[in-house]
Each structure stands twice: as structure tokens, then as C-alpha cells.
Amino acid sequence: MSKQRSFKHIAKLIKDRRLAHQKGYSQAELSELLGYKNGQFISNVERGICAIPLKTLNKVGQVLEISKDELMSAMLNDYQATLDNYLQEAQQQTY
């Protein structure tokens, strides 16, 4: 039983900020602003299916007015959750 990486914190932050933003970006509009061809990319990020590429974080922060500290906190929380998942799985396999 393999645990997936956790992307839920960054996913929630991006979705919440996109929906609350004064410009009311659609997923397609945000994807386009970030250089992606359609809204599926942001849909996948917001559903926690994939990570936002590190090279895109700065642009996401600028467009959605998310501070560096907020982005870093969400990413670190996801990394900690991922580590917890993998360590818990490894411990269960030991017994």
C-alpha cells in the first residue's frame, strides 16, 4: 500500500485565493497567466493530484497576491505530511 505525496495545503491555498481574488480568475484564466494551455493544470493542482512546479511558485504568488511566507508554509506542511505518510508506511511494513 503506497501513500501518495501530500499536496493538500498548497492546493487549498491556491484554490481559496483564486476564488477570493478580486479578479475572480477561472482555472483556465489562471493556467493561462502561468503559461499553461488549459485549466486542467490548475484543476489538478487544486484537487491535490499534482504539485505546483517550484519554478511557478513566484508567479502564482504574484498573480494571486500570496506572500512568500504563506507559500512556504503550505509547501512545508505538505512536505511534512508526505514524510509522515512514508514513515508511517515504513513502520507498518516493519511489523
Protein backbone atom coordinates (compact mmCIF):
# COMPACT_ATOMS: atom_id res chain seq x y z
CA MET A 1 0.00 0.00 0.00
CA SER A 2 1.81 3.10 -1.21
CA LYS A 3 0.93 6.54 0.12
CA GLN A 4 0.73 9.43 -2.27
CA ARG A 5 2.60 12.65 -1.71
CA SER A 6 0.56 15.33 0.01
CA PHE A 7 -0.32 18.48 -1.89
CA LYS A 8 -3.44 19.41 0.09
CA HIS A 9 -2.12 22.56 1.79
CA ILE A 10 -0.83 24.25 -1.35
CA ALA A 11 -3.93 23.07 -3.22
CA LYS A 12 -6.26 24.68 -0.67
CA LEU A 13 -4.24 27.91 -0.56
CA ILE A 14 -4.27 28.32 -4.34
CA LYS A 15 -7.95 27.44 -4.71
CA ASP A 16 -9.04 29.70 -1.85
CA ARG A 17 -7.02 32.65 -3.17
CA ARG A 18 -8.13 32.14 -6.76
CA LEU A 19 -11.79 32.12 -5.75
CA ALA A 20 -11.44 35.09 -3.37
CA HIS A 21 -9.31 37.19 -5.71
CA GLN A 22 -10.88 40.47 -6.82
CA LYS A 23 -10.42 39.48 -10.47
CA GLY A 24 -12.20 36.16 -9.90
CA TYR A 25 -9.91 34.08 -12.10
CA SER A 26 -11.26 30.90 -13.60
CA GLN A 27 -8.99 27.86 -13.59
CA ALA A 28 -8.40 28.38 -17.31
CA GLU A 29 -7.51 32.05 -16.85
CA LEU A 30 -5.07 31.30 -14.05
CA SER A 31 -3.48 28.49 -16.02
CA GLU A 32 -3.01 30.80 -18.99
CA LEU A 33 -1.46 33.53 -16.81
CA LEU A 34 1.01 30.92 -15.55
CA GLY A 35 1.88 29.81 -19.08
CA TYR A 36 -0.17 26.62 -19.31
CA LYS A 37 -2.51 25.86 -22.21
CA ASN A 38 -5.72 25.00 -20.37
CA GLY A 39 -7.44 24.96 -16.99
CA GLN A 40 -6.77 21.29 -16.40
CA PHE A 41 -3.40 22.11 -14.85
CA ILE A 42 -4.91 24.32 -12.13
CA SER A 43 -7.76 21.85 -11.68
CA ASN A 44 -5.23 19.10 -10.96
CA VAL A 45 -3.29 21.33 -8.57
CA GLU A 46 -6.42 22.40 -6.70
CA ARG A 47 -7.57 18.80 -6.33
CA GLY A 48 -4.18 17.84 -4.88
CA ILE A 49 -3.39 15.50 -7.76
CA CYS A 50 -0.10 17.18 -8.62
CA ALA A 51 2.26 19.75 -7.21
CA ILE A 52 2.70 23.24 -8.48
CA PRO A 53 6.19 23.33 -10.04
CA LEU A 54 8.67 25.22 -7.90
CA LYS A 55 9.58 27.41 -10.86
CA THR A 56 5.93 28.56 -10.97
CA LEU A 57 5.55 29.44 -7.28
CA ASN A 58 6.77 33.01 -7.59
CA LYS A 59 4.35 33.74 -10.45
CA VAL A 60 1.45 32.14 -8.53
CA GLY A 61 2.28 34.34 -5.57
CA GLN A 62 2.34 37.46 -7.73
CA VAL A 63 -0.89 36.74 -9.60
CA LEU A 64 -2.90 35.62 -6.56
CA GLU A 65 -1.21 38.00 -4.11
CA ILE A 66 0.09 35.23 -1.87
CA SER A 67 3.10 36.07 0.26
CA LYS A 68 6.34 34.12 0.12
CA ASP A 69 5.79 33.07 3.75
CA GLU A 70 2.31 31.70 3.02
CA LEU A 71 3.56 29.73 0.03
CA MET A 72 6.50 28.39 2.00
CA SER A 73 4.30 27.40 4.93
CA ALA A 74 1.86 25.50 2.69
CA MET A 75 4.70 23.71 0.89
CA LEU A 76 6.44 22.78 4.15
CA ASN A 77 3.17 21.47 5.62
CA ASP A 78 2.72 19.29 2.54
CA TYR A 79 6.29 18.03 2.77
CA GLN A 80 5.81 17.17 6.44
CA ALA A 81 2.56 15.32 5.67
CA THR A 82 4.34 13.42 2.89
CA LEU A 83 7.16 12.43 5.23
CA ASP A 84 4.67 11.35 7.89
CA ASN A 85 2.87 9.16 5.33
CA TYR A 86 6.04 7.47 4.15
CA LEU A 87 7.47 6.97 7.64
CA GLN A 88 4.19 5.57 8.91
CA GLU A 89 4.03 3.17 5.96
CA ALA A 90 7.63 2.05 6.53
CA GLN A 91 6.93 1.46 10.22
CA GLN A 92 3.84 -0.62 9.41
CA GLN A 93 5.86 -2.76 6.99
CA THR A 94 8.43 -3.43 9.70
CA TYR A 95 5.87 -5.15 11.92
